[in-house]
Amino acid sequence: MKLDVLKLDGGKAGSVDLNDDLFGLDPRADILHRVVRWQRAKAQAGTHSTLTRAEVSYSTKKIYRQKGTGGARHGSRKAPIFRKGGVVKGPTPRSHAHDLPKKVRALGLRHALSAKAKAGELIILDTLTMAEAKTAILAKQAKELGWKRVLIIDGVAVDQGFALAARNIEGIDVLPTMGANVYDILKRDQLVITKAGLEALEARLK
């Protein structure tokens, strides 16, 4: 697959041949689903918690005498049937993460890149270097390029000037190559990859 390489000012900077192993696959929803589910489960805090009968704060004194009241026998207000009593088998803090083979994760990233290429939502950028790294200038350029909800993937390290300029622009997210992931790629309308990012992705997924 061949794509034009664009500049930040909208001009062309030649073309590039995309690797079919990364951008020419037929996207599989089942693999993408597995990887996204693994990512979201790993990110889940898992801090939900309830107090058990042993943990609620209440007096341990017998609430009333055993016999003669005409009511049921009880020994503690901590019992689950009372208000503010302990919860039976409630959630406790735990990790929701589960294992996923590295090969499946890498395959998921390839399918995510291919999905963007197939949908025509992939843009190849020459470089992120700006003559004057200012938010107002970048916002104007992004508007002219039609960027609304984009993920930009740079090389091993993100250009610092561009990162500072893009920091306060809603809808523009910038990641280094090692930060590229299936969830972030799929939830954006457009994927922008620099030439340096292309080389780093090919090296990462070879």
C-alpha atoms as a PDB file:
ATOM      1  CA  MET A   1       0.000   0.000   0.000  1.00  0.00           C
ATOM      2  CA  LYS A   2       1.273   3.443  -0.932  1.00  0.00           C
ATOM      3  CA  LEU A   3       0.335   6.665   0.893  1.00  0.00           C
ATOM      4  CA  ASP A   4       1.280  10.306   0.450  1.00  0.00           C
ATOM      5  CA  VAL A   5       3.426  11.835   3.172  1.00  0.00           C
ATOM      6  CA  LEU A   6       2.050  15.161   4.417  1.00  0.00           C
ATOM      7  CA  LYS A   7       3.641  18.115   6.145  1.00  0.00           C
ATOM      8  CA  LEU A   8       2.088  20.004   9.056  1.00  0.00           C
ATOM      9  CA  ASP A   9       1.318  22.896   6.718  1.00  0.00           C
ATOM     10  CA  GLY A  10      -0.714  20.556   4.478  1.00  0.00           C
ATOM     11  CA  GLY A  11       1.869  20.236   1.715  1.00  0.00           C
ATOM     12  CA  LYS A  12       3.174  16.937   0.356  1.00  0.00           C
ATOM     13  CA  ALA A  13       6.569  15.457   1.159  1.00  0.00           C
ATOM     14  CA  GLY A  14       6.634  12.475  -1.190  1.00  0.00           C
ATOM     15  CA  SER A  15       5.104   9.066  -0.582  1.00  0.00           C
ATOM     16  CA  VAL A  16       5.826   5.928   1.398  1.00  0.00           C
ATOM     17  CA  ASP A  17       5.245   2.207   0.907  1.00  0.00           C
ATOM     18  CA  LEU A  18       3.448   0.702   3.910  1.00  0.00           C
ATOM     19  CA  ASN A  19       4.381  -2.723   5.185  1.00  0.00           C
ATOM     20  CA  ASP A  20       1.566  -5.164   4.372  1.00  0.00           C
ATOM     21  CA  ASP A  21       2.345  -7.165   7.531  1.00  0.00           C
ATOM     22  CA  LEU A  22       1.323  -4.104   9.574  1.00  0.00           C
ATOM     23  CA  PHE A  23      -1.170  -2.264   7.398  1.00  0.00           C
ATOM     24  CA  GLY A  24      -2.426  -4.815   4.873  1.00  0.00           C
ATOM     25  CA  LEU A  25      -4.173  -7.359   7.096  1.00  0.00           C
ATOM     26  CA  ASP A  26      -7.907  -8.048   7.008  1.00  0.00           C
ATOM     27  CA  PRO A  27      -8.979  -6.735  10.469  1.00  0.00           C
ATOM     28  CA  ARG A  28     -10.448  -9.363  12.780  1.00  0.00           C
ATOM     29  CA  ALA A  29     -12.941  -8.110  15.359  1.00  0.00           C
ATOM     30  CA  ASP A  30     -12.358 -11.086  17.681  1.00  0.00           C
ATOM     31  CA  ILE A  31      -8.640 -10.343  18.082  1.00  0.00           C
ATOM     32  CA  LEU A  32      -9.261  -6.610  18.546  1.00  0.00           C
ATOM     33  CA  HIS A  33     -11.920  -7.402  21.144  1.00  0.00           C
ATOM     34  CA  ARG A  34      -9.590  -9.705  23.081  1.00  0.00           C
ATOM     35  CA  VAL A  35      -6.817  -7.122  23.228  1.00  0.00           C
ATOM     36  CA  VAL A  36      -9.100  -4.202  24.170  1.00  0.00           C
ATOM     37  CA  ARG A  37     -10.742  -6.305  26.880  1.00  0.00           C
ATOM     38  CA  TRP A  38      -7.282  -7.225  28.235  1.00  0.00           C
ATOM     39  CA  GLN A  39      -6.253  -3.547  28.260  1.00  0.00           C
ATOM     40  CA  ARG A  40      -9.378  -2.310  30.015  1.00  0.00           C
ATOM     41  CA  ALA A  41      -9.302  -5.123  32.587  1.00  0.00           C
ATOM     42  CA  LYS A  42      -5.679  -4.310  33.378  1.00  0.00           C
ATOM     43  CA  ALA A  43      -6.541  -0.624  33.825  1.00  0.00           C
ATOM     44  CA  GLN A  44      -9.499  -1.304  36.126  1.00  0.00           C
ATOM     45  CA  ALA A  45      -8.745  -0.121  39.657  1.00  0.00           C
ATOM     46  CA  GLY A  46     -10.462  -2.988  41.482  1.00  0.00           C
ATOM     47  CA  THR A  47     -10.728  -0.947  44.699  1.00  0.00           C
ATOM     48  CA  HIS A  48     -14.412  -1.764  45.328  1.00  0.00           C
ATOM     49  CA  SER A  49     -14.888  -2.948  48.911  1.00  0.00           C
ATOM     50  CA  THR A  50     -17.541  -3.624  51.535  1.00  0.00           C
ATOM     51  CA  LEU A  51     -17.331  -4.262  55.272  1.00  0.00           C
ATOM     52  CA  THR A  52     -18.010  -7.772  56.505  1.00  0.00           C
ATOM     53  CA  ARG A  53     -19.614  -8.698  59.811  1.00  0.00           C
ATOM     54  CA  ALA A  54     -16.164  -8.805  61.367  1.00  0.00           C
ATOM     55  CA  GLU A  55     -15.261  -5.306  60.144  1.00  0.00           C
ATOM     56  CA  VAL A  56     -18.304  -3.117  60.897  1.00  0.00           C
ATOM     57  CA  SER A  57     -18.057  -0.863  63.916  1.00  0.00           C
ATOM     58  CA  TYR A  58     -20.681  -1.807  66.490  1.00  0.00           C
ATOM     59  CA  SER A  59     -20.953  -2.957  70.086  1.00  0.00           C
ATOM     60  CA  THR A  60     -20.549  -6.677  70.671  1.00  0.00           C
ATOM     61  CA  LYS A  61     -23.033  -6.625  73.535  1.00  0.00           C
ATOM     62  CA  LYS A  62     -26.031  -8.927  73.175  1.00  0.00           C
ATOM     63  CA  ILE A  63     -28.812  -6.642  71.955  1.00  0.00           C
ATOM     64  CA  TYR A  64     -31.562  -8.169  74.119  1.00  0.00           C
ATOM     65  CA  ARG A  65     -32.153 -11.264  76.227  1.00  0.00           C
ATOM     66  CA  GLN A  66     -32.318 -14.647  74.575  1.00  0.00           C
ATOM     67  CA  LYS A  67     -35.832 -15.605  75.663  1.00  0.00           C
ATOM     68  CA  GLY A  68     -39.071 -14.021  76.675  1.00  0.00           C
ATOM     69  CA  THR A  69     -39.231 -11.169  74.181  1.00  0.00           C
ATOM     70  CA  GLY A  70     -41.477 -12.893  71.672  1.00  0.00           C
ATOM     71  CA  GLY A  71     -38.999 -12.056  68.916  1.00  0.00           C
ATOM     72  CA  ALA A  72     -36.248 -13.881  67.106  1.00  0.00           C
ATOM     73  CA  ARG A  73     -33.027 -14.668  68.928  1.00  0.00           C
ATOM     74  CA  HIS A  74     -30.133 -12.332  68.163  1.00  0.00           C
ATOM     75  CA  GLY A  75     -26.718 -11.805  69.625  1.00  0.00           C
ATOM     76  CA  SER A  76     -25.244  -8.966  67.564  1.00  0.00           C
ATOM     77  CA  ARG A  77     -26.234  -5.861  65.650  1.00  0.00           C
ATOM     78  CA  LYS A  78     -23.459  -6.702  63.185  1.00  0.00           C
ATOM     79  CA  ALA A  79     -25.655  -9.358  61.575  1.00  0.00           C
ATOM     80  CA  PRO A  80     -26.372  -8.733  57.858  1.00  0.00           C
ATOM     81  CA  ILE A  81     -30.147  -8.469  58.383  1.00  0.00           C
ATOM     82  CA  PHE A  82     -29.780  -5.267  60.420  1.00  0.00           C
ATOM     83  CA  ARG A  83     -29.195  -1.770  59.067  1.00  0.00           C
ATOM     84  CA  LYS A  84     -25.478  -0.923  59.050  1.00  0.00           C
ATOM     85  CA  GLY A  85     -24.686  -4.580  59.584  1.00  0.00           C
ATOM     86  CA  GLY A  86     -21.954  -6.459  57.732  1.00  0.00           C
ATOM     87  CA  VAL A  87     -22.285  -7.422  54.058  1.00  0.00           C
ATOM     88  CA  VAL A  88     -22.220 -11.098  53.148  1.00  0.00           C
ATOM     89  CA  LYS A  89     -19.813 -12.039  50.326  1.00  0.00           C
ATOM     90  CA  GLY A  90     -19.490  -8.457  49.091  1.00  0.00           C
ATOM     91  CA  PRO A  91     -16.754  -7.234  46.705  1.00  0.00           C
ATOM     92  CA  THR A  92     -13.196  -6.984  48.014  1.00  0.00           C
ATOM     93  CA  PRO A  93     -10.168  -5.208  46.472  1.00  0.00           C
ATOM     94  CA  ARG A  94      -8.629  -7.332  43.733  1.00  0.00           C
ATOM     95  CA  SER A  95      -6.889  -7.136  40.394  1.00  0.00           C
ATOM     96  CA  HIS A  96      -9.070  -7.653  37.314  1.00  0.00           C
ATOM     97  CA  ALA A  97      -6.031  -8.222  35.076  1.00  0.00           C
ATOM     98  CA  HIS A  98      -5.693 -11.449  33.141  1.00  0.00           C
ATOM     99  CA  ASP A  99      -2.968 -12.888  30.954  1.00  0.00           C
ATOM    100  CA  LEU A 100      -2.849 -12.523  27.196  1.00  0.00           C
ATOM    101  CA  PRO A 101      -0.010 -13.970  25.092  1.00  0.00           C
ATOM    102  CA  LYS A 102       2.473 -11.441  23.713  1.00  0.00           C
ATOM    103  CA  LYS A 103       1.920 -12.722  20.183  1.00  0.00           C
ATOM    104  CA  VAL A 104      -1.833 -12.002  20.451  1.00  0.00           C
ATOM    105  CA  ARG A 105      -1.118  -8.498  21.756  1.00  0.00           C
ATOM    106  CA  ALA A 106       1.263  -7.798  18.867  1.00  0.00           C
ATOM    107  CA  LEU A 107      -1.227  -9.248  16.380  1.00  0.00           C
ATOM    108  CA  GLY A 108      -3.951  -7.039  17.839  1.00  0.00           C
ATOM    109  CA  LEU A 109      -1.795  -3.941  17.254  1.00  0.00           C
ATOM    110  CA  ARG A 110      -1.193  -5.003  13.648  1.00  0.00           C
ATOM    111  CA  HIS A 111      -4.940  -5.486  13.103  1.00  0.00           C
ATOM    112  CA  ALA A 112      -5.698  -2.087  14.667  1.00  0.00           C
ATOM    113  CA  LEU A 113      -3.225  -0.392  12.305  1.00  0.00           C
ATOM    114  CA  SER A 114      -4.685  -2.320   9.361  1.00  0.00           C
ATOM    115  CA  ALA A 115      -8.228  -1.334  10.389  1.00  0.00           C
ATOM    116  CA  LYS A 116      -7.303   2.360  10.262  1.00  0.00           C
ATOM    117  CA  ALA A 117      -5.552   1.952   6.909  1.00  0.00           C
ATOM    118  CA  LYS A 118      -8.496   0.044   5.430  1.00  0.00           C
ATOM    119  CA  ALA A 119     -10.978   2.674   6.656  1.00  0.00           C
ATOM    120  CA  GLY A 120      -8.942   5.483   5.093  1.00  0.00           C
ATOM    121  CA  GLU A 121      -8.272   6.997   8.522  1.00  0.00           C
ATOM    122  CA  LEU A 122      -4.479   6.700   8.402  1.00  0.00           C
ATOM    123  CA  ILE A 123      -2.291   9.760   7.787  1.00  0.00           C
ATOM    124  CA  ILE A 124       1.487   9.660   7.355  1.00  0.00           C
ATOM    125  CA  LEU A 125       3.274  12.809   8.513  1.00  0.00           C
ATOM    126  CA  ASP A 126       6.804  13.838   7.586  1.00  0.00           C
ATOM    127  CA  THR A 127       7.832  15.184  10.999  1.00  0.00           C
ATOM    128  CA  LEU A 128       6.359  16.862  14.077  1.00  0.00           C
ATOM    129  CA  THR A 129       9.056  19.544  14.208  1.00  0.00           C
ATOM    130  CA  MET A 130       7.576  23.048  14.200  1.00  0.00           C
ATOM    131  CA  ALA A 131       9.412  26.266  13.391  1.00  0.00           C
ATOM    132  CA  GLU A 132       7.476  27.948  16.194  1.00  0.00           C
ATOM    133  CA  ALA A 133       5.965  25.493  18.684  1.00  0.00           C
ATOM    134  CA  LYS A 134       2.875  27.380  19.833  1.00  0.00           C
ATOM    135  CA  THR A 135      -0.565  26.038  20.693  1.00  0.00           C
ATOM    136  CA  ALA A 136      -2.433  28.649  18.609  1.00  0.00           C
ATOM    137  CA  ILE A 137      -0.376  27.853  15.503  1.00  0.00           C
ATOM    138  CA  LEU A 138      -0.842  24.094  15.902  1.00  0.00           C
ATOM    139  CA  ALA A 139      -4.575  24.479  16.560  1.00  0.00           C
ATOM    140  CA  LYS A 140      -4.943  26.417  13.306  1.00  0.00           C
ATOM    141  CA  GLN A 141      -2.941  23.800  11.365  1.00  0.00           C
ATOM    142  CA  ALA A 142      -4.979  20.964  12.889  1.00  0.00           C
ATOM    143  CA  LYS A 143      -8.199  22.685  11.845  1.00  0.00           C
ATOM    144  CA  GLU A 144      -6.932  23.132   8.277  1.00  0.00           C
ATOM    145  CA  LEU A 145      -5.899  19.465   8.158  1.00  0.00           C
ATOM    146  CA  GLY A 146      -9.333  18.391   9.447  1.00  0.00           C
ATOM    147  CA  TRP A 147      -8.046  16.831  12.668  1.00  0.00           C
ATOM    148  CA  LYS A 148     -10.754  16.545  15.324  1.00  0.00           C
ATOM    149  CA  ARG A 149     -10.112  13.377  17.310  1.00  0.00           C
ATOM    150  CA  VAL A 150      -6.641  12.167  16.369  1.00  0.00           C
ATOM    151  CA  LEU A 151      -3.910  10.025  17.869  1.00  0.00           C
ATOM    152  CA  ILE A 152      -0.407  10.973  16.752  1.00  0.00           C
ATOM    153  CA  ILE A 153       2.357   8.383  17.036  1.00  0.00           C
ATOM    154  CA  ASP A 154       5.915   9.663  16.824  1.00  0.00           C
ATOM    155  CA  GLY A 155       9.229   7.792  16.933  1.00  0.00           C
ATOM    156  CA  VAL A 156      11.093   6.521  20.005  1.00  0.00           C
ATOM    157  CA  ALA A 157      10.616   9.919  21.669  1.00  0.00           C
ATOM    158  CA  VAL A 158       8.000  12.592  20.979  1.00  0.00           C
ATOM    159  CA  ASP A 159       9.195  15.986  19.743  1.00  0.00           C
ATOM    160  CA  GLN A 160       9.098  18.113  22.916  1.00  0.00           C
ATOM    161  CA  GLY A 161       8.053  21.352  21.197  1.00  0.00           C
ATOM    162  CA  PHE A 162       5.117  19.642  19.470  1.00  0.00           C
ATOM    163  CA  ALA A 163       4.110  17.850  22.692  1.00  0.00           C
ATOM    164  CA  LEU A 164       3.961  21.172  24.570  1.00  0.00           C
ATOM    165  CA  ALA A 165       2.009  22.853  21.760  1.00  0.00           C
ATOM    166  CA  ALA A 166      -0.515  19.971  21.571  1.00  0.00           C
ATOM    167  CA  ARG A 167      -0.917  19.581  25.322  1.00  0.00           C
ATOM    168  CA  ASN A 168      -3.903  21.914  25.652  1.00  0.00           C
ATOM    169  CA  ILE A 169      -5.651  21.139  22.367  1.00  0.00           C
ATOM    170  CA  GLU A 170      -8.741  19.018  22.848  1.00  0.00           C
ATOM    171  CA  GLY A 171      -8.875  15.971  20.601  1.00  0.00           C
ATOM    172  CA  ILE A 172      -5.141  15.690  19.913  1.00  0.00           C
ATOM    173  CA  ASP A 173      -3.166  13.006  21.746  1.00  0.00           C
ATOM    174  CA  VAL A 174       0.504  12.271  21.167  1.00  0.00           C
ATOM    175  CA  LEU A 175       2.319   9.027  22.012  1.00  0.00           C
ATOM    176  CA  PRO A 176       5.791   7.601  21.405  1.00  0.00           C
ATOM    177  CA  THR A 177       5.984   4.328  19.499  1.00  0.00           C
ATOM    178  CA  MET A 178       6.190   2.207  22.649  1.00  0.00           C
ATOM    179  CA  GLY A 179       2.950   3.785  23.872  1.00  0.00           C
ATOM    180  CA  ALA A 180       0.990   2.785  20.760  1.00  0.00           C
ATOM    181  CA  ASN A 181      -1.871   0.496  21.775  1.00  0.00           C
ATOM    182  CA  VAL A 182      -5.044  -0.981  20.311  1.00  0.00           C
ATOM    183  CA  TYR A 183      -7.558   0.827  22.542  1.00  0.00           C
ATOM    184  CA  ASP A 184      -6.193   4.341  21.902  1.00  0.00           C
ATOM    185  CA  ILE A 185      -5.889   3.704  18.157  1.00  0.00           C
ATOM    186  CA  LEU A 186      -9.456   2.432  17.762  1.00  0.00           C
ATOM    187  CA  LYS A 187     -11.199   5.117  19.818  1.00  0.00           C
ATOM    188  CA  ARG A 188      -9.839   7.996  17.700  1.00  0.00           C
ATOM    189  CA  ASP A 189     -11.291   9.070  14.378  1.00  0.00           C
ATOM    190  CA  GLN A 190      -7.875   9.384  12.724  1.00  0.00           C
ATOM    191  CA  LEU A 191      -4.435   7.890  13.237  1.00  0.00           C
ATOM    192  CA  VAL A 192      -1.411  10.031  12.368  1.00  0.00           C
ATOM    193  CA  ILE A 193       2.012   8.365  12.232  1.00  0.00           C
ATOM    194  CA  THR A 194       5.289  10.139  11.516  1.00  0.00           C
ATOM    195  CA  LYS A 195       7.938   8.602   9.267  1.00  0.00           C
ATOM    196  CA  ALA A 196      10.076   8.022  12.364  1.00  0.00           C
ATOM    197  CA  GLY A 197       7.070   6.370  14.014  1.00  0.00           C
ATOM    198  CA  LEU A 198       6.644   4.054  11.011  1.00  0.00           C
ATOM    199  CA  GLU A 199      10.243   2.870  11.234  1.00  0.00           C
ATOM    200  CA  ALA A 200       9.975   2.347  15.008  1.00  0.00           C
ATOM    201  CA  LEU A 201       6.677   0.435  14.654  1.00  0.00           C
ATOM    202  CA  GLU A 202       8.175  -1.863  12.031  1.00  0.00           C
ATOM    203  CA  ALA A 203      11.152  -2.500  14.323  1.00  0.00           C
ATOM    204  CA  ARG A 204       8.829  -3.167  17.273  1.00  0.00           C
ATOM    205  CA  LEU A 205       6.497  -5.531  15.406  1.00  0.00           C
ATOM    206  CA  LYS A 206       8.933  -7.308  13.094  1.00  0.00           C
END
